Amino acid sequence: MARKPAQRNQPVSDPNAKRFPWSQFMFVVMIALLMVVSLPTVALMFFGMLPTIVAYLIDRTPQKYATFCVGAMNFSGVFPYLMDLWMRSNSLATAMGMLTDVFTLVVIYGAAGFGWMLFNAIPPVVGVFLVSISGRRILALEEAQAELVKEWGQEVTGKTKSTPLSTGMMMDEENE
């Protein structure tokens, strides 16, 4: 039999040791790069997407449904002004002009508010549909059960007083 080579003092990796959060670091680097390259876009996106940031911070569910719902609607409110910024001068003065325009802010934050409204209104509507579908399924199963009872008798429901053991004993006694 071959012997296993002796293990030397190798460092043991601690599974609970904190790892460097590379994804967060890369996110910060990307934002810094974007600020250097396109500060007007970053400024418009940051102030325009504030409701999404708030939704992310207060949404405690692991799925982050509120964040996705508010974020999608919020981005749909920011996007036209972002396109306008890119098609015009793409300067910080233009971005600040958009951010100080009340109509722009009403559209951007109104879209985010609509996202919150969808997030709060859709689950009860879906619940009503699910209850309705379940009710129809119960009725269909009860109809199928009634047909089985009509065809096979009350014994198929399991609600009879006779048990299979006593029925079997009676049949054995009759055969003797």
C-alpha atoms as a PDB file:
ATOM      1  CA  MET A   1       0.000   0.000   0.000  1.00  0.00           C
ATOM      2  CA  ALA A   2       1.260   3.431  -0.836  1.00  0.00           C
ATOM      3  CA  ARG A   3       1.536   5.953   1.920  1.00  0.00           C
ATOM      4  CA  LYS A   4      -0.036   9.350   1.677  1.00  0.00           C
ATOM      5  CA  PRO A   5       2.526  12.136   1.592  1.00  0.00           C
ATOM      6  CA  ALA A   6       2.806  13.915   4.894  1.00  0.00           C
ATOM      7  CA  GLN A   7       0.997  17.205   4.979  1.00  0.00           C
ATOM      8  CA  ARG A   8       3.121  20.145   5.882  1.00  0.00           C
ATOM      9  CA  ASN A   9       1.975  23.160   7.805  1.00  0.00           C
ATOM     10  CA  GLN A  10      -0.517  24.506   5.326  1.00  0.00           C
ATOM     11  CA  PRO A  11      -2.652  27.467   6.235  1.00  0.00           C
ATOM     12  CA  VAL A  12      -6.201  26.455   6.966  1.00  0.00           C
ATOM     13  CA  SER A  13      -8.751  28.680   5.291  1.00  0.00           C
ATOM     14  CA  ASP A  14     -11.377  29.928   7.680  1.00  0.00           C
ATOM     15  CA  PRO A  15     -14.823  29.615   6.061  1.00  0.00           C
ATOM     16  CA  ASN A  16     -16.128  32.429   8.286  1.00  0.00           C
ATOM     17  CA  ALA A  17     -13.350  34.816   7.330  1.00  0.00           C
ATOM     18  CA  LYS A  18     -14.563  38.030   5.735  1.00  0.00           C
ATOM     19  CA  ARG A  19     -13.764  38.283   2.057  1.00  0.00           C
ATOM     20  CA  PHE A  20     -13.118  41.531   0.315  1.00  0.00           C
ATOM     21  CA  PRO A  21     -16.393  42.647  -1.308  1.00  0.00           C
ATOM     22  CA  TRP A  22     -15.191  42.849  -4.890  1.00  0.00           C
ATOM     23  CA  SER A  23     -18.632  43.484  -6.316  1.00  0.00           C
ATOM     24  CA  GLN A  24     -19.136  46.543  -4.117  1.00  0.00           C
ATOM     25  CA  PHE A  25     -15.642  47.770  -4.897  1.00  0.00           C
ATOM     26  CA  MET A  26     -16.247  47.395  -8.643  1.00  0.00           C
ATOM     27  CA  PHE A  27     -19.556  49.246  -8.300  1.00  0.00           C
ATOM     28  CA  VAL A  28     -17.808  52.193  -6.629  1.00  0.00           C
ATOM     29  CA  VAL A  29     -15.067  52.181  -9.278  1.00  0.00           C
ATOM     30  CA  MET A  30     -17.664  52.176 -12.070  1.00  0.00           C
ATOM     31  CA  ILE A  31     -19.556  55.087 -10.512  1.00  0.00           C
ATOM     32  CA  ALA A  32     -16.310  57.036 -10.089  1.00  0.00           C
ATOM     33  CA  LEU A  33     -15.400  56.383 -13.714  1.00  0.00           C
ATOM     34  CA  LEU A  34     -18.861  57.439 -14.868  1.00  0.00           C
ATOM     35  CA  MET A  35     -18.620  60.626 -12.826  1.00  0.00           C
ATOM     36  CA  VAL A  36     -15.392  61.516 -14.565  1.00  0.00           C
ATOM     37  CA  VAL A  37     -16.647  60.624 -18.039  1.00  0.00           C
ATOM     38  CA  SER A  38     -20.276  61.700 -17.815  1.00  0.00           C
ATOM     39  CA  LEU A  39     -21.050  63.788 -14.751  1.00  0.00           C
ATOM     40  CA  PRO A  40     -24.317  65.269 -16.157  1.00  0.00           C
ATOM     41  CA  THR A  41     -25.757  61.794 -16.742  1.00  0.00           C
ATOM     42  CA  VAL A  42     -24.731  60.598 -13.272  1.00  0.00           C
ATOM     43  CA  ALA A  43     -26.223  63.703 -11.648  1.00  0.00           C
ATOM     44  CA  LEU A  44     -29.538  63.311 -13.484  1.00  0.00           C
ATOM     45  CA  MET A  45     -29.678  59.580 -12.761  1.00  0.00           C
ATOM     46  CA  PHE A  46     -28.757  59.984  -9.079  1.00  0.00           C
ATOM     47  CA  PHE A  47     -31.325  62.675  -8.281  1.00  0.00           C
ATOM     48  CA  GLY A  48     -33.916  61.161 -10.602  1.00  0.00           C
ATOM     49  CA  MET A  49     -33.577  57.637  -9.206  1.00  0.00           C
ATOM     50  CA  LEU A  50     -33.716  58.629  -5.532  1.00  0.00           C
ATOM     51  CA  PRO A  51     -37.120  56.925  -5.049  1.00  0.00           C
ATOM     52  CA  THR A  52     -35.575  53.665  -6.252  1.00  0.00           C
ATOM     53  CA  ILE A  53     -32.719  54.025  -3.767  1.00  0.00           C
ATOM     54  CA  VAL A  54     -35.247  54.630  -1.002  1.00  0.00           C
ATOM     55  CA  ALA A  55     -37.284  51.593  -2.133  1.00  0.00           C
ATOM     56  CA  TYR A  56     -34.128  49.469  -2.001  1.00  0.00           C
ATOM     57  CA  LEU A  57     -33.300  50.671   1.499  1.00  0.00           C
ATOM     58  CA  ILE A  58     -36.746  50.086   2.991  1.00  0.00           C
ATOM     59  CA  ASP A  59     -37.609  46.838   1.148  1.00  0.00           C
ATOM     60  CA  ARG A  60     -36.693  44.063   3.572  1.00  0.00           C
ATOM     61  CA  THR A  61     -37.820  41.131   1.435  1.00  0.00           C
ATOM     62  CA  PRO A  62     -35.096  39.049  -0.207  1.00  0.00           C
ATOM     63  CA  GLN A  63     -36.802  39.303  -3.622  1.00  0.00           C
ATOM     64  CA  LYS A  64     -36.858  43.149  -3.566  1.00  0.00           C
ATOM     65  CA  TYR A  65     -40.153  43.355  -5.459  1.00  0.00           C
ATOM     66  CA  ALA A  66     -40.743  46.957  -4.376  1.00  0.00           C
ATOM     67  CA  THR A  67     -37.317  47.944  -5.661  1.00  0.00           C
ATOM     68  CA  PHE A  68     -37.942  46.390  -9.064  1.00  0.00           C
ATOM     69  CA  CYS A  69     -41.432  47.812  -9.393  1.00  0.00           C
ATOM     70  CA  VAL A  70     -40.522  51.333  -8.298  1.00  0.00           C
ATOM     71  CA  GLY A  71     -37.183  51.211 -10.142  1.00  0.00           C
ATOM     72  CA  ALA A  72     -38.716  50.253 -13.474  1.00  0.00           C
ATOM     73  CA  MET A  73     -41.359  52.950 -13.313  1.00  0.00           C
ATOM     74  CA  ASN A  74     -38.852  55.481 -11.985  1.00  0.00           C
ATOM     75  CA  PHE A  75     -36.468  54.751 -14.849  1.00  0.00           C
ATOM     76  CA  SER A  76     -39.319  55.172 -17.325  1.00  0.00           C
ATOM     77  CA  GLY A  77     -39.802  58.662 -15.881  1.00  0.00           C
ATOM     78  CA  VAL A  78     -36.090  59.538 -16.028  1.00  0.00           C
ATOM     79  CA  PHE A  79     -35.403  58.079 -19.468  1.00  0.00           C
ATOM     80  CA  PRO A  80     -37.006  60.811 -21.649  1.00  0.00           C
ATOM     81  CA  TYR A  81     -35.009  63.492 -19.863  1.00  0.00           C
ATOM     82  CA  LEU A  82     -31.880  61.391 -20.105  1.00  0.00           C
ATOM     83  CA  MET A  83     -32.373  61.120 -23.870  1.00  0.00           C
ATOM     84  CA  ASP A  84     -33.013  64.857 -24.029  1.00  0.00           C
ATOM     85  CA  LEU A  85     -29.779  65.464 -22.116  1.00  0.00           C
ATOM     86  CA  TRP A  86     -27.793  63.216 -24.452  1.00  0.00           C
ATOM     87  CA  MET A  87     -29.289  64.772 -27.587  1.00  0.00           C
ATOM     88  CA  ARG A  88     -28.660  68.323 -26.409  1.00  0.00           C
ATOM     89  CA  SER A  89     -25.440  69.730 -25.043  1.00  0.00           C
ATOM     90  CA  ASN A  90     -24.849  67.025 -22.374  1.00  0.00           C
ATOM     91  CA  SER A  91     -23.512  69.589 -19.946  1.00  0.00           C
ATOM     92  CA  LEU A  92     -23.877  69.889 -16.208  1.00  0.00           C
ATOM     93  CA  ALA A  93     -25.784  73.154 -16.661  1.00  0.00           C
ATOM     94  CA  THR A  94     -28.385  71.373 -18.824  1.00  0.00           C
ATOM     95  CA  ALA A  95     -28.721  68.558 -16.274  1.00  0.00           C
ATOM     96  CA  MET A  96     -29.139  71.031 -13.408  1.00  0.00           C
ATOM     97  CA  GLY A  97     -31.672  72.967 -15.487  1.00  0.00           C
ATOM     98  CA  MET A  98     -33.701  69.779 -15.856  1.00  0.00           C
ATOM     99  CA  LEU A  99     -33.424  68.962 -12.168  1.00  0.00           C
ATOM    100  CA  THR A 100     -34.626  72.425 -11.147  1.00  0.00           C
ATOM    101  CA  ASP A 101     -37.621  72.304 -13.505  1.00  0.00           C
ATOM    102  CA  VAL A 102     -40.725  71.459 -11.478  1.00  0.00           C
ATOM    103  CA  PHE A 103     -42.458  69.716 -14.387  1.00  0.00           C
ATOM    104  CA  THR A 104     -39.469  67.406 -14.864  1.00  0.00           C
ATOM    105  CA  LEU A 105     -39.454  66.466 -11.187  1.00  0.00           C
ATOM    106  CA  VAL A 106     -43.222  65.867 -11.213  1.00  0.00           C
ATOM    107  CA  VAL A 107     -42.879  63.490 -14.169  1.00  0.00           C
ATOM    108  CA  ILE A 108     -39.873  61.628 -12.699  1.00  0.00           C
ATOM    109  CA  TYR A 109     -41.187  61.300  -9.161  1.00  0.00           C
ATOM    110  CA  GLY A 110     -44.769  60.801 -10.372  1.00  0.00           C
ATOM    111  CA  ALA A 111     -43.612  57.769 -12.360  1.00  0.00           C
ATOM    112  CA  ALA A 112     -41.957  56.433  -9.204  1.00  0.00           C
ATOM    113  CA  GLY A 113     -45.185  57.092  -7.287  1.00  0.00           C
ATOM    114  CA  PHE A 114     -47.056  55.129  -9.927  1.00  0.00           C
ATOM    115  CA  GLY A 115     -44.582  52.284  -9.322  1.00  0.00           C
ATOM    116  CA  TRP A 116     -45.427  52.378  -5.613  1.00  0.00           C
ATOM    117  CA  MET A 117     -49.120  52.372  -6.497  1.00  0.00           C
ATOM    118  CA  LEU A 118     -48.658  49.288  -8.689  1.00  0.00           C
ATOM    119  CA  PHE A 119     -46.646  47.565  -5.966  1.00  0.00           C
ATOM    120  CA  ASN A 120     -49.434  48.137  -3.450  1.00  0.00           C
ATOM    121  CA  ALA A 121     -52.436  47.550  -5.743  1.00  0.00           C
ATOM    122  CA  ILE A 122     -51.503  44.495  -7.812  1.00  0.00           C
ATOM    123  CA  PRO A 123     -51.096  41.832  -5.046  1.00  0.00           C
ATOM    124  CA  PRO A 124     -54.727  42.131  -3.816  1.00  0.00           C
ATOM    125  CA  VAL A 125     -55.996  41.905  -7.413  1.00  0.00           C
ATOM    126  CA  VAL A 126     -53.909  38.789  -8.025  1.00  0.00           C
ATOM    127  CA  GLY A 127     -55.207  37.359  -4.743  1.00  0.00           C
ATOM    128  CA  VAL A 128     -58.818  37.810  -5.881  1.00  0.00           C
ATOM    129  CA  PHE A 129     -58.063  36.001  -9.140  1.00  0.00           C
ATOM    130  CA  LEU A 130     -56.344  33.139  -7.310  1.00  0.00           C
ATOM    131  CA  VAL A 131     -59.288  32.749  -4.923  1.00  0.00           C
ATOM    132  CA  SER A 132     -61.688  32.735  -7.874  1.00  0.00           C
ATOM    133  CA  ILE A 133     -59.636  30.113  -9.737  1.00  0.00           C
ATOM    134  CA  SER A 134     -59.391  27.979  -6.591  1.00  0.00           C
ATOM    135  CA  GLY A 135     -63.157  28.217  -6.055  1.00  0.00           C
ATOM    136  CA  ARG A 136     -63.841  27.022  -9.590  1.00  0.00           C
ATOM    137  CA  ARG A 137     -61.395  24.154  -9.123  1.00  0.00           C
ATOM    138  CA  ILE A 138     -63.147  23.123  -5.888  1.00  0.00           C
ATOM    139  CA  LEU A 139     -66.524  23.124  -7.652  1.00  0.00           C
ATOM    140  CA  ALA A 140     -65.146  20.974 -10.490  1.00  0.00           C
ATOM    141  CA  LEU A 141     -63.665  18.494  -8.005  1.00  0.00           C
ATOM    142  CA  GLU A 142     -66.926  18.322  -6.045  1.00  0.00           C
ATOM    143  CA  GLU A 143     -68.841  17.606  -9.272  1.00  0.00           C
ATOM    144  CA  ALA A 144     -66.378  14.852 -10.161  1.00  0.00           C
ATOM    145  CA  GLN A 145     -66.728  13.432  -6.654  1.00  0.00           C
ATOM    146  CA  ALA A 146     -70.528  13.443  -6.938  1.00  0.00           C
ATOM    147  CA  GLU A 147     -70.296  11.492 -10.208  1.00  0.00           C
ATOM    148  CA  LEU A 148     -67.998   8.937  -8.572  1.00  0.00           C
ATOM    149  CA  VAL A 149     -70.395   8.542  -5.644  1.00  0.00           C
ATOM    150  CA  LYS A 150     -73.316   8.074  -8.050  1.00  0.00           C
ATOM    151  CA  GLU A 151     -71.381   5.445 -10.047  1.00  0.00           C
ATOM    152  CA  TRP A 152     -69.612   3.554  -7.223  1.00  0.00           C
ATOM    153  CA  GLY A 153     -71.800   4.194  -4.206  1.00  0.00           C
ATOM    154  CA  GLN A 154     -71.310   5.943  -0.885  1.00  0.00           C
ATOM    155  CA  GLU A 155     -68.403   3.649   0.067  1.00  0.00           C
ATOM    156  CA  VAL A 156     -65.903   5.575  -2.089  1.00  0.00           C
ATOM    157  CA  THR A 157     -66.252   8.634   0.148  1.00  0.00           C
ATOM    158  CA  GLY A 158     -64.911   6.765   3.168  1.00  0.00           C
ATOM    159  CA  LYS A 159     -67.842   8.002   5.262  1.00  0.00           C
ATOM    160  CA  THR A 160     -69.655   4.646   5.661  1.00  0.00           C
ATOM    161  CA  LYS A 161     -70.051   2.789   8.942  1.00  0.00           C
ATOM    162  CA  SER A 162     -68.943  -0.568   7.537  1.00  0.00           C
ATOM    163  CA  THR A 163     -65.235  -1.243   7.391  1.00  0.00           C
ATOM    164  CA  PRO A 164     -63.549  -3.377   4.728  1.00  0.00           C
ATOM    165  CA  LEU A 165     -62.559  -5.910   7.411  1.00  0.00           C
ATOM    166  CA  SER A 166     -66.126  -6.496   8.605  1.00  0.00           C
ATOM    167  CA  THR A 167     -67.386  -6.668   5.025  1.00  0.00           C
ATOM    168  CA  GLY A 168     -64.755  -9.238   4.185  1.00  0.00           C
ATOM    169  CA  MET A 169     -65.690 -11.339   7.222  1.00  0.00           C
ATOM    170  CA  MET A 170     -69.337 -11.324   6.206  1.00  0.00           C
ATOM    171  CA  MET A 171     -68.480 -12.511   2.726  1.00  0.00           C
ATOM    172  CA  ASP A 172     -66.354 -15.345   4.158  1.00  0.00           C
ATOM    173  CA  GLU A 173     -69.212 -16.450   6.412  1.00  0.00           C
ATOM    174  CA  GLU A 174     -71.651 -16.480   3.475  1.00  0.00           C
ATOM    175  CA  ASN A 175     -69.303 -18.586   1.343  1.00  0.00           C
ATOM    176  CA  GLU A 176     -69.023 -21.319   4.026  1.00  0.00           C
END
